[in-house]
Amino acid sequence: EVQLVESGGGLVQAGGSLRLSCAASGFTFDDYTIGWFRQAPGKEREGVSCISSSDGSTYYGDSVKGRFTISTDSAKNTAYLQMNSLKPEDTAVYYCHANVPGVGGSRLVYWGQGTQVTVSS
């Protein structure tokens, strides 16, 4: 069974840092894309960052470029999102997302349970 378990959210003051973790089970970090979306109340889901195992490419949303860094530890099947210089606008529920191969060439999508990040001014 594939599971994504998120941790690391919390309350931090503006300018502070948090590191989110997404621990995956049920698949190995081989052919995958993993990252985070976030959603604040009343707003659309926003892509934050992701990383692809195929070429190591990374994506960062415009609002977090230069402040957030995504990384993975394949041995631990864990992805990390280092968030620095946090702003109140970063307040949202952050959802880990993974896209992994399924049977017969299909792709499967999984979501973590979400972790709340609150940045106070």
N, C-alpha and C. Protein backbone atom coordinates (compact mmCIF):
# COMPACT_ATOMS: atom_id res chain seq x y z
N GLU A 1 0.84 -1.18 0.00
CA GLU A 1 0.00 0.00 0.00
C GLU A 1 0.88 1.24 0.00
N VAL A 2 0.62 2.13 -0.92
CA VAL A 2 1.37 3.37 -1.02
C VAL A 2 0.81 4.37 -0.02
N GLN A 3 1.69 4.96 0.73
CA GLN A 3 1.31 6.00 1.67
C GLN A 3 2.33 7.11 1.63
N LEU A 4 1.84 8.32 1.79
CA LEU A 4 2.68 9.50 1.92
C LEU A 4 2.34 10.14 3.26
N VAL A 5 3.31 10.20 4.13
CA VAL A 5 3.11 10.74 5.46
C VAL A 5 3.91 12.02 5.58
N GLU A 6 3.21 13.11 5.83
CA GLU A 6 3.83 14.42 5.90
C GLU A 6 4.08 14.84 7.34
N SER A 7 5.11 15.62 7.51
CA SER A 7 5.40 16.19 8.80
C SER A 7 6.18 17.48 8.60
N GLY A 8 6.34 18.23 9.66
CA GLY A 8 7.16 19.42 9.64
C GLY A 8 6.43 20.74 9.63
N GLY A 9 5.13 20.69 9.46
CA GLY A 9 4.37 21.92 9.49
C GLY A 9 4.31 22.51 10.88
N GLY A 10 3.83 23.72 10.96
CA GLY A 10 3.72 24.37 12.25
C GLY A 10 3.55 25.85 12.10
N LEU A 11 3.74 26.54 13.19
CA LEU A 11 3.61 27.98 13.26
C LEU A 11 4.98 28.61 13.34
N VAL A 12 5.22 29.58 12.49
CA VAL A 12 6.50 30.26 12.46
C VAL A 12 6.27 31.73 12.15
N GLN A 13 7.14 32.56 12.64
CA GLN A 13 7.06 33.98 12.34
C GLN A 13 7.63 34.29 10.97
N ALA A 14 7.15 35.37 10.39
CA ALA A 14 7.67 35.80 9.10
C ALA A 14 9.18 35.91 9.14
N GLY A 15 9.80 35.42 8.09
CA GLY A 15 11.24 35.40 8.01
C GLY A 15 11.87 34.12 8.51
N GLY A 16 11.09 33.30 9.17
CA GLY A 16 11.59 32.06 9.70
C GLY A 16 11.62 30.95 8.67
N SER A 17 11.94 29.76 9.15
CA SER A 17 12.10 28.61 8.28
C SER A 17 11.39 27.40 8.84
N LEU A 18 10.98 26.54 7.95
CA LEU A 18 10.44 25.24 8.27
C LEU A 18 10.94 24.25 7.23
N ARG A 19 11.01 23.00 7.62
CA ARG A 19 11.32 21.94 6.67
C ARG A 19 10.22 20.90 6.72
N LEU A 20 9.56 20.72 5.59
CA LEU A 20 8.55 19.71 5.47
C LEU A 20 9.19 18.40 5.00
N SER A 21 8.65 17.31 5.50
CA SER A 21 9.09 16.00 5.09
C SER A 21 7.90 15.22 4.55
N CYS A 22 8.16 14.41 3.57
CA CYS A 22 7.16 13.50 3.03
C CYS A 22 7.80 12.13 2.92
N ALA A 23 7.42 11.25 3.81
CA ALA A 23 7.96 9.90 3.84
C ALA A 23 7.04 8.97 3.07
N ALA A 24 7.59 8.33 2.08
CA ALA A 24 6.82 7.45 1.21
C ALA A 24 7.04 6.00 1.59
N SER A 25 5.99 5.24 1.52
CA SER A 25 6.07 3.80 1.69
C SER A 25 5.23 3.13 0.62
N GLY A 26 5.59 1.91 0.30
CA GLY A 26 4.88 1.18 -0.73
C GLY A 26 5.48 1.30 -2.12
N PHE A 27 6.44 2.17 -2.28
CA PHE A 27 7.19 2.26 -3.52
C PHE A 27 8.57 2.81 -3.20
N THR A 28 9.47 2.59 -4.09
CA THR A 28 10.82 3.09 -3.92
C THR A 28 11.03 4.30 -4.81
N PHE A 29 11.98 5.14 -4.39
CA PHE A 29 12.31 6.32 -5.17
C PHE A 29 13.11 5.91 -6.39
N ASP A 30 12.41 5.62 -7.45
CA ASP A 30 13.04 5.21 -8.70
C ASP A 30 12.53 6.08 -9.83
N ASP A 31 11.39 5.73 -10.34
CA ASP A 31 10.75 6.51 -11.39
C ASP A 31 9.56 7.22 -10.75
N TYR A 32 9.75 8.46 -10.45
CA TYR A 32 8.73 9.17 -9.71
C TYR A 32 8.86 10.67 -9.92
N THR A 33 7.81 11.33 -9.61
CA THR A 33 7.80 12.77 -9.41
C THR A 33 7.16 13.02 -8.06
N ILE A 34 7.78 13.81 -7.24
CA ILE A 34 7.26 14.06 -5.92
C ILE A 34 7.43 15.53 -5.57
N GLY A 35 6.49 16.04 -4.81
CA GLY A 35 6.58 17.43 -4.42
C GLY A 35 5.39 17.83 -3.59
N TRP A 36 5.14 19.12 -3.58
CA TRP A 36 4.06 19.67 -2.76
C TRP A 36 3.18 20.62 -3.55
N PHE A 37 1.91 20.54 -3.25
CA PHE A 37 0.96 21.57 -3.56
C PHE A 37 0.53 22.21 -2.24
N ARG A 38 -0.07 23.36 -2.34
CA ARG A 38 -0.62 23.98 -1.15
C ARG A 38 -1.95 24.62 -1.49
N GLN A 39 -2.75 24.76 -0.46
CA GLN A 39 -4.06 25.36 -0.65
C GLN A 39 -4.43 26.15 0.59
N ALA A 40 -4.71 27.41 0.38
CA ALA A 40 -5.20 28.27 1.43
C ALA A 40 -6.71 28.38 1.32
N PRO A 41 -7.39 28.67 2.41
CA PRO A 41 -8.84 28.78 2.36
C PRO A 41 -9.30 29.77 1.30
N GLY A 42 -10.24 29.34 0.48
CA GLY A 42 -10.79 30.20 -0.54
C GLY A 42 -9.93 30.38 -1.77
N LYS A 43 -8.81 29.71 -1.83
CA LYS A 43 -7.91 29.84 -2.96
C LYS A 43 -7.74 28.51 -3.67
N GLU A 44 -7.33 28.59 -4.92
CA GLU A 44 -7.09 27.39 -5.69
C GLU A 44 -5.81 26.70 -5.23
N ARG A 45 -5.77 25.42 -5.48
CA ARG A 45 -4.56 24.67 -5.19
C ARG A 45 -3.41 25.20 -6.04
N GLU A 46 -2.27 25.36 -5.42
CA GLU A 46 -1.12 25.95 -6.07
C GLU A 46 0.06 25.00 -6.02
N GLY A 47 0.68 24.80 -7.15
CA GLY A 47 1.90 24.01 -7.17
C GLY A 47 3.03 24.76 -6.50
N VAL A 48 3.68 24.11 -5.56
CA VAL A 48 4.77 24.73 -4.81
C VAL A 48 6.11 24.32 -5.38
N SER A 49 6.34 23.02 -5.43
CA SER A 49 7.62 22.51 -5.90
C SER A 49 7.49 21.03 -6.18
N CYS A 50 8.29 20.55 -7.11
CA CYS A 50 8.37 19.11 -7.34
C CYS A 50 9.72 18.78 -7.94
N ILE A 51 10.05 17.51 -7.87
CA ILE A 51 11.31 17.03 -8.41
C ILE A 51 11.06 15.70 -9.11
N SER A 52 11.72 15.50 -10.23
CA SER A 52 11.54 14.31 -11.03
C SER A 52 12.79 13.44 -10.94
N SER A 53 12.57 12.14 -10.76
CA SER A 53 13.70 11.22 -10.71
C SER A 53 14.28 10.93 -12.08
N SER A 54 13.52 11.18 -13.13
CA SER A 54 13.98 10.86 -14.47
C SER A 54 15.19 11.68 -14.89
N ASP A 55 15.17 12.96 -14.58
CA ASP A 55 16.28 13.82 -14.96
C ASP A 55 16.73 14.74 -13.83
N GLY A 56 16.12 14.61 -12.68
CA GLY A 56 16.49 15.45 -11.55
C GLY A 56 15.99 16.86 -11.64
N SER A 57 15.16 17.13 -12.61
CA SER A 57 14.67 18.49 -12.78
C SER A 57 13.75 18.87 -11.63
N THR A 58 13.75 20.13 -11.33
CA THR A 58 12.92 20.66 -10.26
C THR A 58 12.03 21.76 -10.80
N TYR A 59 10.95 21.95 -10.11
CA TYR A 59 10.01 23.01 -10.41
C TYR A 59 9.72 23.77 -9.14
N TYR A 60 9.64 25.08 -9.27
CA TYR A 60 9.23 25.93 -8.17
C TYR A 60 8.21 26.92 -8.65
N GLY A 61 7.17 27.07 -7.88
CA GLY A 61 6.21 28.10 -8.19
C GLY A 61 6.85 29.47 -8.09
N ASP A 62 6.32 30.38 -8.88
CA ASP A 62 6.91 31.71 -8.92
C ASP A 62 6.98 32.36 -7.55
N SER A 63 6.00 32.11 -6.73
CA SER A 63 5.94 32.77 -5.44
C SER A 63 6.95 32.25 -4.44
N VAL A 64 7.58 31.11 -4.72
CA VAL A 64 8.51 30.53 -3.76
C VAL A 64 9.93 30.43 -4.31
N LYS A 65 10.14 30.80 -5.54
CA LYS A 65 11.47 30.71 -6.13
C LYS A 65 12.46 31.54 -5.32
N GLY A 66 13.60 30.94 -5.08
CA GLY A 66 14.64 31.60 -4.32
C GLY A 66 14.51 31.44 -2.83
N ARG A 67 13.39 30.92 -2.37
CA ARG A 67 13.16 30.76 -0.94
C ARG A 67 13.01 29.30 -0.52
N PHE A 68 12.45 28.48 -1.39
CA PHE A 68 12.21 27.07 -1.08
C PHE A 68 13.17 26.20 -1.88
N THR A 69 13.54 25.08 -1.28
CA THR A 69 14.40 24.11 -1.95
C THR A 69 13.86 22.71 -1.71
N ILE A 70 13.69 21.96 -2.78
CA ILE A 70 13.21 20.60 -2.67
C ILE A 70 14.38 19.64 -2.84
N SER A 71 14.33 18.54 -2.11
CA SER A 71 15.36 17.53 -2.21
C SER A 71 14.77 16.18 -1.84
N THR A 72 15.50 15.13 -2.13
CA THR A 72 15.06 13.78 -1.78
C THR A 72 16.21 13.00 -1.19
N ASP A 73 15.86 12.04 -0.38
CA ASP A 73 16.79 11.07 0.15
C ASP A 73 16.26 9.71 -0.25
N SER A 74 16.82 9.15 -1.30
CA SER A 74 16.31 7.90 -1.84
C SER A 74 16.41 6.76 -0.83
N ALA A 75 17.47 6.75 -0.05
CA ALA A 75 17.66 5.68 0.92
C ALA A 75 16.55 5.67 1.95
N LYS A 76 16.00 6.83 2.24
CA LYS A 76 14.93 6.94 3.22
C LYS A 76 13.56 7.07 2.59
N ASN A 77 13.51 7.07 1.27
CA ASN A 77 12.25 7.27 0.56
C ASN A 77 11.51 8.50 1.09
N THR A 78 12.24 9.57 1.21
CA THR A 78 11.70 10.77 1.79
C THR A 78 12.07 11.98 0.95
N ALA A 79 11.11 12.86 0.79
CA ALA A 79 11.34 14.14 0.15
C ALA A 79 11.27 15.24 1.20
N TYR A 80 12.01 16.29 0.95
CA TYR A 80 12.07 17.41 1.88
C TYR A 80 11.82 18.70 1.13
N LEU A 81 11.15 19.59 1.79
CA LEU A 81 10.96 20.94 1.28
C LEU A 81 11.46 21.91 2.33
N GLN A 82 12.61 22.48 2.07
CA GLN A 82 13.17 23.48 2.96
C GLN A 82 12.57 24.83 2.59
N MET A 83 11.92 25.44 3.53
CA MET A 83 11.23 26.70 3.30
C MET A 83 11.89 27.77 4.15
N ASN A 84 12.50 28.72 3.49
CA ASN A 84 13.18 29.82 4.16
C ASN A 84 12.48 31.13 3.84
N SER A 85 12.80 32.12 4.63
CA SER A 85 12.23 33.46 4.43
C SER A 85 10.73 33.41 4.28
N LEU A 86 10.10 32.70 5.16
CA LEU A 86 8.66 32.49 5.05
C LEU A 86 7.89 33.79 5.21
N LYS A 87 6.82 33.87 4.46
CA LYS A 87 5.96 35.03 4.45
C LYS A 87 4.56 34.63 4.89
N PRO A 88 3.78 35.57 5.40
CA PRO A 88 2.40 35.23 5.73
C PRO A 88 1.63 34.65 4.56
N GLU A 89 1.97 35.05 3.35
CA GLU A 89 1.31 34.53 2.16
C GLU A 89 1.57 33.05 1.94
N ASP A 90 2.56 32.49 2.62
CA ASP A 90 2.85 31.07 2.51
C ASP A 90 1.92 30.22 3.37
N THR A 91 1.12 30.86 4.18
CA THR A 91 0.21 30.12 5.05
C THR A 91 -0.77 29.31 4.21
N ALA A 92 -0.81 28.02 4.46
CA ALA A 92 -1.66 27.12 3.70
C ALA A 92 -1.50 25.72 4.26
N VAL A 93 -2.35 24.83 3.79
CA VAL A 93 -2.13 23.41 4.00
C VAL A 93 -1.28 22.90 2.86
N TYR A 94 -0.21 22.25 3.19
CA TYR A 94 0.72 21.73 2.20
C TYR A 94 0.50 20.24 2.04
N TYR A 95 0.29 19.81 0.81
CA TYR A 95 0.00 18.42 0.50
C TYR A 95 1.13 17.82 -0.31
N CYS A 96 1.72 16.79 0.20
CA CYS A 96 2.69 16.05 -0.57
C CYS A 96 1.99 15.30 -1.69
N HIS A 97 2.62 15.24 -2.83
CA HIS A 97 2.06 14.61 -4.02
C HIS A 97 3.13 13.76 -4.67
N ALA A 98 2.75 12.57 -5.07
CA ALA A 98 3.67 11.69 -5.76
C ALA A 98 3.01 11.07 -6.97
N ASN A 99 3.75 10.99 -8.03
CA ASN A 99 3.33 10.36 -9.27
C ASN A 99 4.29 9.21 -9.52
N VAL A 100 3.77 7.99 -9.50
CA VAL A 100 4.63 6.81 -9.55
C VAL A 100 4.11 5.86 -10.61
N PRO A 101 4.97 4.98 -11.11
CA PRO A 101 4.52 4.02 -12.12
C PRO A 101 3.61 2.97 -11.53
N GLY A 102 2.59 2.63 -12.28
CA GLY A 102 1.72 1.54 -11.94
C GLY A 102 1.91 0.37 -12.88
N VAL A 103 1.00 -0.55 -12.84
CA VAL A 103 1.08 -1.74 -13.66
C VAL A 103 0.78 -1.41 -15.11
N GLY A 104 1.53 -2.00 -16.00
CA GLY A 104 1.27 -1.86 -17.42
C GLY A 104 1.55 -0.49 -17.99
N GLY A 105 2.47 0.23 -17.39
CA GLY A 105 2.84 1.53 -17.90
C GLY A 105 1.97 2.67 -17.42
N SER A 106 1.02 2.38 -16.58
CA SER A 106 0.17 3.43 -16.05
C SER A 106 0.92 4.24 -15.00
N ARG A 107 0.36 5.37 -14.67
CA ARG A 107 0.89 6.20 -13.61
C ARG A 107 -0.16 6.35 -12.52
N LEU A 108 0.28 6.34 -11.31
CA LEU A 108 -0.60 6.46 -10.17
C LEU A 108 -0.24 7.71 -9.39
N VAL A 109 -1.25 8.36 -8.88
CA VAL A 109 -1.08 9.60 -8.14
C VAL A 109 -1.50 9.39 -6.70
N TYR A 110 -0.69 9.86 -5.79
CA TYR A 110 -0.96 9.74 -4.38
C TYR A 110 -0.79 11.09 -3.71
N TRP A 111 -1.53 11.26 -2.64
CA TRP A 111 -1.49 12.50 -1.87
C TRP A 111 -1.25 12.21 -0.41
N GLY A 112 -0.47 13.06 0.21
CA GLY A 112 -0.32 13.01 1.64
C GLY A 112 -1.53 13.59 2.34
N GLN A 113 -1.52 13.49 3.65
CA GLN A 113 -2.67 13.94 4.42
C GLN A 113 -2.73 15.45 4.59
N GLY A 114 -1.67 16.12 4.29
CA GLY A 114 -1.59 17.55 4.44
C GLY A 114 -1.01 17.95 5.77
N THR A 115 -0.28 19.04 5.77
CA THR A 115 0.26 19.60 7.00
C THR A 115 0.10 21.11 6.96
N GLN A 116 -0.34 21.66 8.06
CA GLN A 116 -0.62 23.09 8.13
C GLN A 116 0.65 23.88 8.37
N VAL A 117 0.86 24.87 7.54
CA VAL A 117 1.93 25.83 7.73
C VAL A 117 1.29 27.19 7.95
N THR A 118 1.61 27.79 9.07
CA THR A 118 1.07 29.10 9.40
C THR A 118 2.23 30.05 9.67
N VAL A 119 2.25 31.14 8.95
CA VAL A 119 3.30 32.14 9.09
C VAL A 119 2.68 33.41 9.61
N SER A 120 3.10 33.82 10.77
CA SER A 120 2.56 35.02 11.39
C SER A 120 3.42 36.22 11.04
N SER A 121 2.80 37.38 11.04
CA SER A 121 3.52 38.60 10.73
C SER A 121 4.12 39.20 11.98
